[in-house]
Amino acid sequence: MRPNTLKTIWSEGKAVINGWCGIPSSWSAELMAHQGFDSITVDLQHGLINYDTAVPMLQAISTTPTIPLARVPWNEPGIIMKMLDAGCYGIVCPMINTRAECEKFIGACRYANAGGYRSNGPTRAIYYGGADYFDHANETILTFAMIESAEALANVEDIVSVKGLDAVYVGPSDLSLSITGRPRMEYDGFPDLFAALDTIVAACKKNGVATGIHCSGAEHAQKMIARGFNFVTLASDGAYLTSAAGAAVKTMRGAANTSASGITPPPSQPY
């Protein structure tokens, strides 16, 4: 079976650099995959993506060595199994708040010979992963439980001790919303939120579980790696598009007051 290179990166003590796709486009996914990310996550929860769009996006990612992952809409076995059968090498599952919810999630990702209840039908996965997919899928597919609530924080030790869990993925906006009442991507000035992150990292290290987090950009990701995270998402395709387009327009709005033709451009608009 095709190896999951994220496991190799972790075994070497390094951090995985993950990209994020929320735009429902195989072309966007292919562009992102060709930028050198270790993995790309196709977002079926908050991204504008459904299963029919996700499959060609996975095919586009497969034109590169980048590992394909997916965030499913919810802890629902049907879509988890369909995304695995489509060739995902890892599933990010939102709002895992208890040990029981984590066990349900892990069970959907593992076949019966590993204690799970995943149905055998790797439609595209057998072509992406290889003819021996069934023999190695249980140990190759990665499971990411999202920790993004005060309840999950209180139960983090129980959650990360579930057999078969490979990693947690912190949703910083929802975690801060649950704790403070407002969503925040970055926690500067909020020591209690940083303490929550440290609690999660410590629990994961104790149980041999990788620790991921959604970041607002490369600088934020570097800070999170320094804090102990070893899976960081830099930004989404939509964020990169917005940032680059907005910066270009802002530059043009701030250009010379008079164009080469002598025509005065319209006044600058707020950005």
C-alpha atoms as a PDB file:
ATOM      1  CA  MET A   1       0.000   0.000   0.000  1.00  0.00           C
ATOM      2  CA  ARG A   2       1.145   3.530  -0.749  1.00  0.00           C
ATOM      3  CA  PRO A   3       2.776   4.820   2.468  1.00  0.00           C
ATOM      4  CA  ASN A   4       1.315   7.662   4.493  1.00  0.00           C
ATOM      5  CA  THR A   5       4.268  10.051   4.566  1.00  0.00           C
ATOM      6  CA  LEU A   6       2.794  12.065   7.439  1.00  0.00           C
ATOM      7  CA  LYS A   7       3.678   9.206   9.755  1.00  0.00           C
ATOM      8  CA  THR A   8       7.262   9.355   8.514  1.00  0.00           C
ATOM      9  CA  ILE A   9       7.449  13.096   9.171  1.00  0.00           C
ATOM     10  CA  TRP A  10       6.218  12.594  12.721  1.00  0.00           C
ATOM     11  CA  SER A  11       8.626   9.707  13.314  1.00  0.00           C
ATOM     12  CA  GLU A  12      11.471  12.069  12.398  1.00  0.00           C
ATOM     13  CA  GLY A  13      10.328  14.579  14.988  1.00  0.00           C
ATOM     14  CA  LYS A  14       9.162  17.124  12.419  1.00  0.00           C
ATOM     15  CA  ALA A  15       5.909  19.009  11.914  1.00  0.00           C
ATOM     16  CA  VAL A  16       3.491  18.375   9.045  1.00  0.00           C
ATOM     17  CA  ILE A  17       2.653  21.429   6.929  1.00  0.00           C
ATOM     18  CA  ASN A  18      -0.969  21.119   5.881  1.00  0.00           C
ATOM     19  CA  GLY A  19      -2.946  23.040   3.270  1.00  0.00           C
ATOM     20  CA  TRP A  20      -6.708  23.556   3.306  1.00  0.00           C
ATOM     21  CA  CYS A  21      -9.257  23.555   0.486  1.00  0.00           C
ATOM     22  CA  GLY A  22     -12.697  25.054   0.922  1.00  0.00           C
ATOM     23  CA  ILE A  23     -13.319  26.095  -2.686  1.00  0.00           C
ATOM     24  CA  PRO A  24     -15.272  23.382  -4.565  1.00  0.00           C
ATOM     25  CA  SER A  25     -12.816  23.056  -7.449  1.00  0.00           C
ATOM     26  CA  SER A  26     -10.425  20.355  -8.596  1.00  0.00           C
ATOM     27  CA  TRP A  27      -8.303  23.075 -10.182  1.00  0.00           C
ATOM     28  CA  SER A  28      -7.969  24.922  -6.867  1.00  0.00           C
ATOM     29  CA  ALA A  29      -7.060  21.630  -5.174  1.00  0.00           C
ATOM     30  CA  GLU A  30      -4.464  20.840  -7.825  1.00  0.00           C
ATOM     31  CA  LEU A  31      -2.906  24.295  -7.512  1.00  0.00           C
ATOM     32  CA  MET A  32      -2.674  23.934  -3.745  1.00  0.00           C
ATOM     33  CA  ALA A  33      -1.225  20.422  -3.955  1.00  0.00           C
ATOM     34  CA  HIS A  34       1.543  21.591  -6.289  1.00  0.00           C
ATOM     35  CA  GLN A  35       2.811  24.153  -3.766  1.00  0.00           C
ATOM     36  CA  GLY A  36       4.688  21.575  -1.691  1.00  0.00           C
ATOM     37  CA  PHE A  37       2.357  21.017   1.274  1.00  0.00           C
ATOM     38  CA  ASP A  38       2.840  17.701   3.062  1.00  0.00           C
ATOM     39  CA  SER A  39      -0.934  17.213   3.052  1.00  0.00           C
ATOM     40  CA  ILE A  40      -4.088  18.916   1.832  1.00  0.00           C
ATOM     41  CA  THR A  41      -7.392  18.757   3.703  1.00  0.00           C
ATOM     42  CA  VAL A  42     -10.611  18.924   1.688  1.00  0.00           C
ATOM     43  CA  ASP A  43     -13.150  20.641   3.931  1.00  0.00           C
ATOM     44  CA  LEU A  44     -16.671  19.224   3.716  1.00  0.00           C
ATOM     45  CA  GLN A  45     -17.764  20.923   6.945  1.00  0.00           C
ATOM     46  CA  HIS A  46     -17.309  24.674   6.493  1.00  0.00           C
ATOM     47  CA  GLY A  47     -15.987  24.524   2.942  1.00  0.00           C
ATOM     48  CA  LEU A  48     -18.437  24.782   0.027  1.00  0.00           C
ATOM     49  CA  ILE A  49     -17.768  21.167  -0.929  1.00  0.00           C
ATOM     50  CA  ASN A  50     -19.928  18.049  -1.176  1.00  0.00           C
ATOM     51  CA  TYR A  51     -18.974  14.446  -1.959  1.00  0.00           C
ATOM     52  CA  ASP A  52     -19.412  14.738  -5.735  1.00  0.00           C
ATOM     53  CA  THR A  53     -17.002  17.684  -5.799  1.00  0.00           C
ATOM     54  CA  ALA A  54     -14.603  16.205  -3.266  1.00  0.00           C
ATOM     55  CA  VAL A  55     -13.789  13.129  -5.372  1.00  0.00           C
ATOM     56  CA  PRO A  56     -12.299  15.042  -8.345  1.00  0.00           C
ATOM     57  CA  MET A  57     -10.466  17.241  -5.843  1.00  0.00           C
ATOM     58  CA  LEU A  58      -8.844  14.108  -4.387  1.00  0.00           C
ATOM     59  CA  GLN A  59      -7.957  13.011  -7.909  1.00  0.00           C
ATOM     60  CA  ALA A  60      -6.322  16.399  -8.519  1.00  0.00           C
ATOM     61  CA  ILE A  61      -4.319  16.185  -5.294  1.00  0.00           C
ATOM     62  CA  SER A  62      -3.175  12.738  -6.397  1.00  0.00           C
ATOM     63  CA  THR A  63      -1.170  14.313  -9.246  1.00  0.00           C
ATOM     64  CA  THR A  64       1.383  15.104  -6.515  1.00  0.00           C
ATOM     65  CA  PRO A  65       2.938  13.275  -3.526  1.00  0.00           C
ATOM     66  CA  THR A  66       0.741  15.388  -1.198  1.00  0.00           C
ATOM     67  CA  ILE A  67      -1.301  13.276   1.211  1.00  0.00           C
ATOM     68  CA  PRO A  68      -5.085  13.748   0.807  1.00  0.00           C
ATOM     69  CA  LEU A  69      -7.154  14.310   3.950  1.00  0.00           C
ATOM     70  CA  ALA A  70     -10.765  15.366   4.501  1.00  0.00           C
ATOM     71  CA  ARG A  71     -12.707  17.100   7.225  1.00  0.00           C
ATOM     72  CA  VAL A  72     -16.149  15.564   7.287  1.00  0.00           C
ATOM     73  CA  PRO A  73     -19.278  17.581   8.181  1.00  0.00           C
ATOM     74  CA  TRP A  74     -19.936  15.674  11.403  1.00  0.00           C
ATOM     75  CA  ASN A  75     -19.256  12.470  13.324  1.00  0.00           C
ATOM     76  CA  GLU A  76     -21.474  10.473  10.976  1.00  0.00           C
ATOM     77  CA  PRO A  77     -20.210   7.054   9.823  1.00  0.00           C
ATOM     78  CA  GLY A  78     -21.666   7.204   6.314  1.00  0.00           C
ATOM     79  CA  ILE A  79     -19.692  10.187   5.050  1.00  0.00           C
ATOM     80  CA  ILE A  80     -16.568   9.095   6.956  1.00  0.00           C
ATOM     81  CA  MET A  81     -16.575   5.733   5.167  1.00  0.00           C
ATOM     82  CA  LYS A  82     -17.392   7.279   1.783  1.00  0.00           C
ATOM     83  CA  MET A  83     -14.458   9.690   2.032  1.00  0.00           C
ATOM     84  CA  LEU A  84     -12.124   6.868   3.000  1.00  0.00           C
ATOM     85  CA  ASP A  85     -13.418   4.753   0.106  1.00  0.00           C
ATOM     86  CA  ALA A  86     -12.761   7.771  -2.145  1.00  0.00           C
ATOM     87  CA  GLY A  87      -9.069   7.638  -1.246  1.00  0.00           C
ATOM     88  CA  CYS A  88      -8.570   9.913   1.767  1.00  0.00           C
ATOM     89  CA  TYR A  89      -5.593   8.952   3.882  1.00  0.00           C
ATOM     90  CA  GLY A  90      -6.961  10.644   6.969  1.00  0.00           C
ATOM     91  CA  ILE A  91     -10.194  11.996   8.403  1.00  0.00           C
ATOM     92  CA  VAL A  92     -10.587  15.129  10.523  1.00  0.00           C
ATOM     93  CA  CYS A  93     -13.792  14.803  12.557  1.00  0.00           C
ATOM     94  CA  PRO A  94     -15.341  17.921  14.155  1.00  0.00           C
ATOM     95  CA  MET A  95     -16.666  18.407  17.671  1.00  0.00           C
ATOM     96  CA  ILE A  96     -15.387  15.304  19.432  1.00  0.00           C
ATOM     97  CA  ASN A  97     -16.379  16.103  23.012  1.00  0.00           C
ATOM     98  CA  THR A  98     -16.306  12.753  24.815  1.00  0.00           C
ATOM     99  CA  ARG A  99     -14.553   9.413  24.825  1.00  0.00           C
ATOM    100  CA  ALA A 100     -17.685   7.727  23.467  1.00  0.00           C
ATOM    101  CA  GLU A 101     -17.850  10.126  20.525  1.00  0.00           C
ATOM    102  CA  CYS A 102     -14.195   9.472  19.784  1.00  0.00           C
ATOM    103  CA  GLU A 103     -14.723   5.707  19.900  1.00  0.00           C
ATOM    104  CA  LYS A 104     -17.615   6.046  17.453  1.00  0.00           C
ATOM    105  CA  PHE A 105     -15.390   8.062  15.102  1.00  0.00           C
ATOM    106  CA  ILE A 106     -12.455   5.644  15.285  1.00  0.00           C
ATOM    107  CA  GLY A 107     -14.760   2.675  14.709  1.00  0.00           C
ATOM    108  CA  ALA A 108     -15.964   4.152  11.413  1.00  0.00           C
ATOM    109  CA  CYS A 109     -12.354   4.422  10.214  1.00  0.00           C
ATOM    110  CA  ARG A 110     -11.259   0.864  11.087  1.00  0.00           C
ATOM    111  CA  TYR A 111     -12.308  -2.496   9.700  1.00  0.00           C
ATOM    112  CA  ALA A 112     -13.665  -5.250  11.946  1.00  0.00           C
ATOM    113  CA  ASN A 113     -10.282  -6.976  12.162  1.00  0.00           C
ATOM    114  CA  ALA A 114      -9.050  -3.883  14.065  1.00  0.00           C
ATOM    115  CA  GLY A 115     -12.143  -3.584  16.245  1.00  0.00           C
ATOM    116  CA  GLY A 116     -14.026  -1.133  14.047  1.00  0.00           C
ATOM    117  CA  TYR A 117     -17.139  -1.297  11.910  1.00  0.00           C
ATOM    118  CA  ARG A 118     -15.995   0.227   8.620  1.00  0.00           C
ATOM    119  CA  SER A 119     -17.665  -1.497   5.679  1.00  0.00           C
ATOM    120  CA  ASN A 120     -15.332  -3.011   3.080  1.00  0.00           C
ATOM    121  CA  GLY A 121     -15.684  -1.280  -0.283  1.00  0.00           C
ATOM    122  CA  PRO A 122     -12.622   0.864  -1.070  1.00  0.00           C
ATOM    123  CA  THR A 123     -13.956   1.971  -4.457  1.00  0.00           C
ATOM    124  CA  ARG A 124     -11.252   4.487  -5.396  1.00  0.00           C
ATOM    125  CA  ALA A 125      -8.988   3.905  -2.400  1.00  0.00           C
ATOM    126  CA  ILE A 126      -7.767   0.596  -3.806  1.00  0.00           C
ATOM    127  CA  TYR A 127      -6.483   2.398  -6.911  1.00  0.00           C
ATOM    128  CA  TYR A 128      -4.900   5.239  -4.954  1.00  0.00           C
ATOM    129  CA  GLY A 129      -3.573   3.090  -2.117  1.00  0.00           C
ATOM    130  CA  GLY A 130      -2.827  -0.161  -3.912  1.00  0.00           C
ATOM    131  CA  ALA A 131      -4.191  -3.675  -4.369  1.00  0.00           C
ATOM    132  CA  ASP A 132      -3.220  -4.581  -0.787  1.00  0.00           C
ATOM    133  CA  TYR A 133      -5.276  -1.701   0.618  1.00  0.00           C
ATOM    134  CA  PHE A 134      -7.336  -3.882   2.969  1.00  0.00           C
ATOM    135  CA  ASP A 135      -4.221  -5.470   4.477  1.00  0.00           C
ATOM    136  CA  HIS A 136      -2.733  -2.135   5.558  1.00  0.00           C
ATOM    137  CA  ALA A 137      -5.532   0.453   5.698  1.00  0.00           C
ATOM    138  CA  ASN A 138      -6.099   0.162   9.452  1.00  0.00           C
ATOM    139  CA  GLU A 139      -2.561   1.280  10.274  1.00  0.00           C
ATOM    140  CA  THR A 140      -2.165   3.677   7.327  1.00  0.00           C
ATOM    141  CA  ILE A 141      -5.321   5.796   7.608  1.00  0.00           C
ATOM    142  CA  LEU A 142      -4.982   8.660  10.103  1.00  0.00           C
ATOM    143  CA  THR A 143      -7.708   9.707  12.533  1.00  0.00           C
ATOM    144  CA  PHE A 144      -7.916  13.328  13.740  1.00  0.00           C
ATOM    145  CA  ALA A 145     -10.399  14.148  16.516  1.00  0.00           C
ATOM    146  CA  MET A 146     -11.196  17.855  16.688  1.00  0.00           C
ATOM    147  CA  ILE A 147     -10.884  19.381  20.161  1.00  0.00           C
ATOM    148  CA  GLU A 148     -12.860  22.612  19.986  1.00  0.00           C
ATOM    149  CA  SER A 149     -15.034  23.017  23.067  1.00  0.00           C
ATOM    150  CA  ALA A 150     -14.764  23.471  26.802  1.00  0.00           C
ATOM    151  CA  GLU A 151     -16.334  20.028  27.200  1.00  0.00           C
ATOM    152  CA  ALA A 152     -13.686  18.436  24.998  1.00  0.00           C
ATOM    153  CA  LEU A 153     -10.948  20.247  26.915  1.00  0.00           C
ATOM    154  CA  ALA A 154     -12.298  18.839  30.181  1.00  0.00           C
ATOM    155  CA  ASN A 155     -12.351  15.343  28.654  1.00  0.00           C
ATOM    156  CA  VAL A 156      -9.120  15.577  26.681  1.00  0.00           C
ATOM    157  CA  GLU A 157      -7.280  12.904  28.692  1.00  0.00           C
ATOM    158  CA  ASP A 158     -10.089  10.396  28.069  1.00  0.00           C
ATOM    159  CA  ILE A 159     -10.349  11.325  24.407  1.00  0.00           C
ATOM    160  CA  VAL A 160      -6.667  11.024  23.542  1.00  0.00           C
ATOM    161  CA  SER A 161      -6.375   7.666  25.299  1.00  0.00           C
ATOM    162  CA  VAL A 162      -8.821   6.035  22.865  1.00  0.00           C
ATOM    163  CA  LYS A 163      -7.120   3.209  21.000  1.00  0.00           C
ATOM    164  CA  GLY A 164      -6.689   3.986  17.318  1.00  0.00           C
ATOM    165  CA  LEU A 165      -6.657   7.778  17.639  1.00  0.00           C
ATOM    166  CA  ASP A 166      -3.653   9.164  15.782  1.00  0.00           C
ATOM    167  CA  ALA A 167      -4.029  12.908  16.319  1.00  0.00           C
ATOM    168  CA  VAL A 168      -6.167  15.722  17.605  1.00  0.00           C
ATOM    169  CA  TYR A 169      -6.890  18.856  15.627  1.00  0.00           C
ATOM    170  CA  VAL A 170      -7.628  22.032  17.540  1.00  0.00           C
ATOM    171  CA  GLY A 171     -10.248  24.370  16.132  1.00  0.00           C
ATOM    172  CA  PRO A 172      -9.078  27.589  17.818  1.00  0.00           C
ATOM    173  CA  SER A 173     -12.119  29.672  16.869  1.00  0.00           C
ATOM    174  CA  ASP A 174     -14.669  27.250  18.299  1.00  0.00           C
ATOM    175  CA  LEU A 175     -12.490  26.511  21.326  1.00  0.00           C
ATOM    176  CA  SER A 176     -12.222  30.192  22.221  1.00  0.00           C
ATOM    177  CA  LEU A 177     -15.926  30.679  21.476  1.00  0.00           C
ATOM    178  CA  SER A 178     -16.774  27.914  23.930  1.00  0.00           C
ATOM    179  CA  ILE A 179     -14.437  29.221  26.629  1.00  0.00           C
ATOM    180  CA  THR A 180     -14.706  33.016  26.266  1.00  0.00           C
ATOM    181  CA  GLY A 181     -17.857  33.586  24.218  1.00  0.00           C
ATOM    182  CA  ARG A 182     -16.047  34.941  21.154  1.00  0.00           C
ATOM    183  CA  PRO A 183     -14.216  33.179  18.316  1.00  0.00           C
ATOM    184  CA  ARG A 184     -10.495  33.934  17.999  1.00  0.00           C
ATOM    185  CA  MET A 185      -7.884  32.381  15.747  1.00  0.00           C
ATOM    186  CA  GLU A 186      -4.915  33.772  17.686  1.00  0.00           C
ATOM    187  CA  TYR A 187      -4.728  33.898  21.465  1.00  0.00           C
ATOM    188  CA  ASP A 188      -2.354  36.782  22.200  1.00  0.00           C
ATOM    189  CA  GLY A 189      -3.506  38.512  25.369  1.00  0.00           C
ATOM    190  CA  PHE A 190      -5.545  35.517  26.540  1.00  0.00           C
ATOM    191  CA  PRO A 191      -3.393  33.403  28.866  1.00  0.00           C
ATOM    192  CA  ASP A 192      -6.295  31.087  29.724  1.00  0.00           C
ATOM    193  CA  LEU A 193      -6.611  30.115  26.074  1.00  0.00           C
ATOM    194  CA  PHE A 194      -2.883  29.467  25.780  1.00  0.00           C
ATOM    195  CA  ALA A 195      -3.153  27.332  28.926  1.00  0.00           C
ATOM    196  CA  ALA A 196      -5.877  25.312  27.202  1.00  0.00           C
ATOM    197  CA  LEU A 197      -3.562  24.682  24.248  1.00  0.00           C
ATOM    198  CA  ASP A 198      -0.775  23.611  26.586  1.00  0.00           C
ATOM    199  CA  THR A 199      -3.145  21.200  28.340  1.00  0.00           C
ATOM    200  CA  ILE A 200      -4.063  19.607  24.999  1.00  0.00           C
ATOM    201  CA  VAL A 201      -0.446  19.310  23.857  1.00  0.00           C
ATOM    202  CA  ALA A 202       0.614  17.756  27.168  1.00  0.00           C
ATOM    203  CA  ALA A 203      -2.192  15.181  27.066  1.00  0.00           C
ATOM    204  CA  CYS A 204      -1.306  14.240  23.494  1.00  0.00           C
ATOM    205  CA  LYS A 205       2.385  13.847  24.223  1.00  0.00           C
ATOM    206  CA  LYS A 206       1.581  11.681  27.243  1.00  0.00           C
ATOM    207  CA  ASN A 207      -0.491   9.349  25.056  1.00  0.00           C
ATOM    208  CA  GLY A 208       1.663   9.370  21.913  1.00  0.00           C
ATOM    209  CA  VAL A 209      -0.903  11.285  19.880  1.00  0.00           C
ATOM    210  CA  ALA A 210       0.012  13.957  17.325  1.00  0.00           C
ATOM    211  CA  THR A 211      -1.287  17.482  17.893  1.00  0.00           C
ATOM    212  CA  GLY A 212      -2.654  19.659  15.091  1.00  0.00           C
ATOM    213  CA  ILE A 213      -4.122  23.137  14.920  1.00  0.00           C
ATOM    214  CA  HIS A 214      -5.730  25.468  12.389  1.00  0.00           C
ATOM    215  CA  CYS A 215      -3.624  28.619  11.950  1.00  0.00           C
ATOM    216  CA  SER A 216      -4.081  32.059  10.420  1.00  0.00           C
ATOM    217  CA  GLY A 217      -0.857  31.939   8.420  1.00  0.00           C
ATOM    218  CA  ALA A 218       2.790  30.894   8.402  1.00  0.00           C
ATOM    219  CA  GLU A 219       3.863  33.138  11.286  1.00  0.00           C
ATOM    220  CA  HIS A 220       1.074  31.827  13.501  1.00  0.00           C
ATOM    221  CA  ALA A 221       1.932  28.255  12.476  1.00  0.00           C
ATOM    222  CA  GLN A 222       5.572  28.752  13.467  1.00  0.00           C
ATOM    223  CA  LYS A 223       4.473  29.917  16.909  1.00  0.00           C
ATOM    224  CA  MET A 224       2.259  26.870  17.303  1.00  0.00           C
ATOM    225  CA  ILE A 225       5.085  24.507  16.322  1.00  0.00           C
ATOM    226  CA  ALA A 226       7.239  26.184  18.976  1.00  0.00           C
ATOM    227  CA  ARG A 227       4.392  25.523  21.433  1.00  0.00           C
ATOM    228  CA  GLY A 228       4.497  21.788  20.696  1.00  0.00           C
ATOM    229  CA  PHE A 229       2.115  21.252  17.792  1.00  0.00           C
ATOM    230  CA  ASN A 230       3.356  18.952  15.024  1.00  0.00           C
ATOM    231  CA  PHE A 231       0.588  19.388  12.449  1.00  0.00           C
ATOM    232  CA  VAL A 232      -0.204  22.929  11.337  1.00  0.00           C
ATOM    233  CA  THR A 233      -2.588  24.249   8.707  1.00  0.00           C
ATOM    234  CA  LEU A 234      -1.229  27.501   7.269  1.00  0.00           C
ATOM    235  CA  ALA A 235      -4.355  28.915   5.612  1.00  0.00           C
ATOM    236  CA  SER A 236      -7.079  27.948   3.153  1.00  0.00           C
ATOM    237  CA  ASP A 237      -7.219  28.370  -0.597  1.00  0.00           C
ATOM    238  CA  GLY A 238      -9.899  31.015  -0.115  1.00  0.00           C
ATOM    239  CA  ALA A 239      -7.757  32.913   2.385  1.00  0.00           C
ATOM    240  CA  TYR A 240      -4.793  32.932   0.005  1.00  0.00           C
ATOM    241  CA  LEU A 241      -6.975  34.137  -2.872  1.00  0.00           C
ATOM    242  CA  THR A 242      -8.539  36.878  -0.765  1.00  0.00           C
ATOM    243  CA  SER A 243      -5.208  38.022   0.649  1.00  0.00           C
ATOM    244  CA  ALA A 244      -3.391  38.195  -2.691  1.00  0.00           C
ATOM    245  CA  ALA A 245      -6.273  39.834  -4.563  1.00  0.00           C
ATOM    246  CA  GLY A 246      -6.922  42.322  -1.776  1.00  0.00           C
ATOM    247  CA  ALA A 247      -3.254  43.285  -1.540  1.00  0.00           C
ATOM    248  CA  ALA A 248      -3.042  43.869  -5.285  1.00  0.00           C
ATOM    249  CA  VAL A 249      -6.144  46.062  -5.323  1.00  0.00           C
ATOM    250  CA  LYS A 250      -4.925  47.985  -2.288  1.00  0.00           C
ATOM    251  CA  THR A 251      -1.626  48.633  -4.057  1.00  0.00           C
ATOM    252  CA  MET A 252      -3.425  49.922  -7.130  1.00  0.00           C
ATOM    253  CA  ARG A 253      -5.727  52.151  -5.063  1.00  0.00           C
ATOM    254  CA  GLY A 254      -2.648  53.694  -3.523  1.00  0.00           C
ATOM    255  CA  ALA A 255      -0.908  54.301  -6.866  1.00  0.00           C
ATOM    256  CA  ALA A 256      -0.375  57.720  -8.448  1.00  0.00           C
ATOM    257  CA  ASN A 257      -3.415  59.994  -8.337  1.00  0.00           C
ATOM    258  CA  THR A 258      -3.278  60.481 -12.081  1.00  0.00           C
ATOM    259  CA  SER A 259      -3.063  57.680 -14.615  1.00  0.00           C
ATOM    260  CA  ALA A 260      -0.725  57.747 -17.592  1.00  0.00           C
ATOM    261  CA  SER A 261      -3.573  58.985 -19.766  1.00  0.00           C
ATOM    262  CA  GLY A 262      -4.148  61.943 -17.502  1.00  0.00           C
ATOM    263  CA  ILE A 263      -7.535  60.636 -16.312  1.00  0.00           C
ATOM    264  CA  THR A 264      -8.064  60.904 -12.563  1.00  0.00           C
ATOM    265  CA  PRO A 265      -8.941  57.487 -11.093  1.00  0.00           C
ATOM    266  CA  PRO A 266     -11.913  57.063  -8.734  1.00  0.00           C
ATOM    267  CA  PRO A 267     -11.309  57.698  -5.034  1.00  0.00           C
ATOM    268  CA  SER A 268      -9.858  54.899  -2.967  1.00  0.00           C
ATOM    269  CA  GLN A 269     -12.378  52.556  -1.377  1.00  0.00           C
ATOM    270  CA  PRO A 270     -12.055  51.186   2.158  1.00  0.00           C
ATOM    271  CA  TYR A 271     -10.395  47.771   2.281  1.00  0.00           C
END
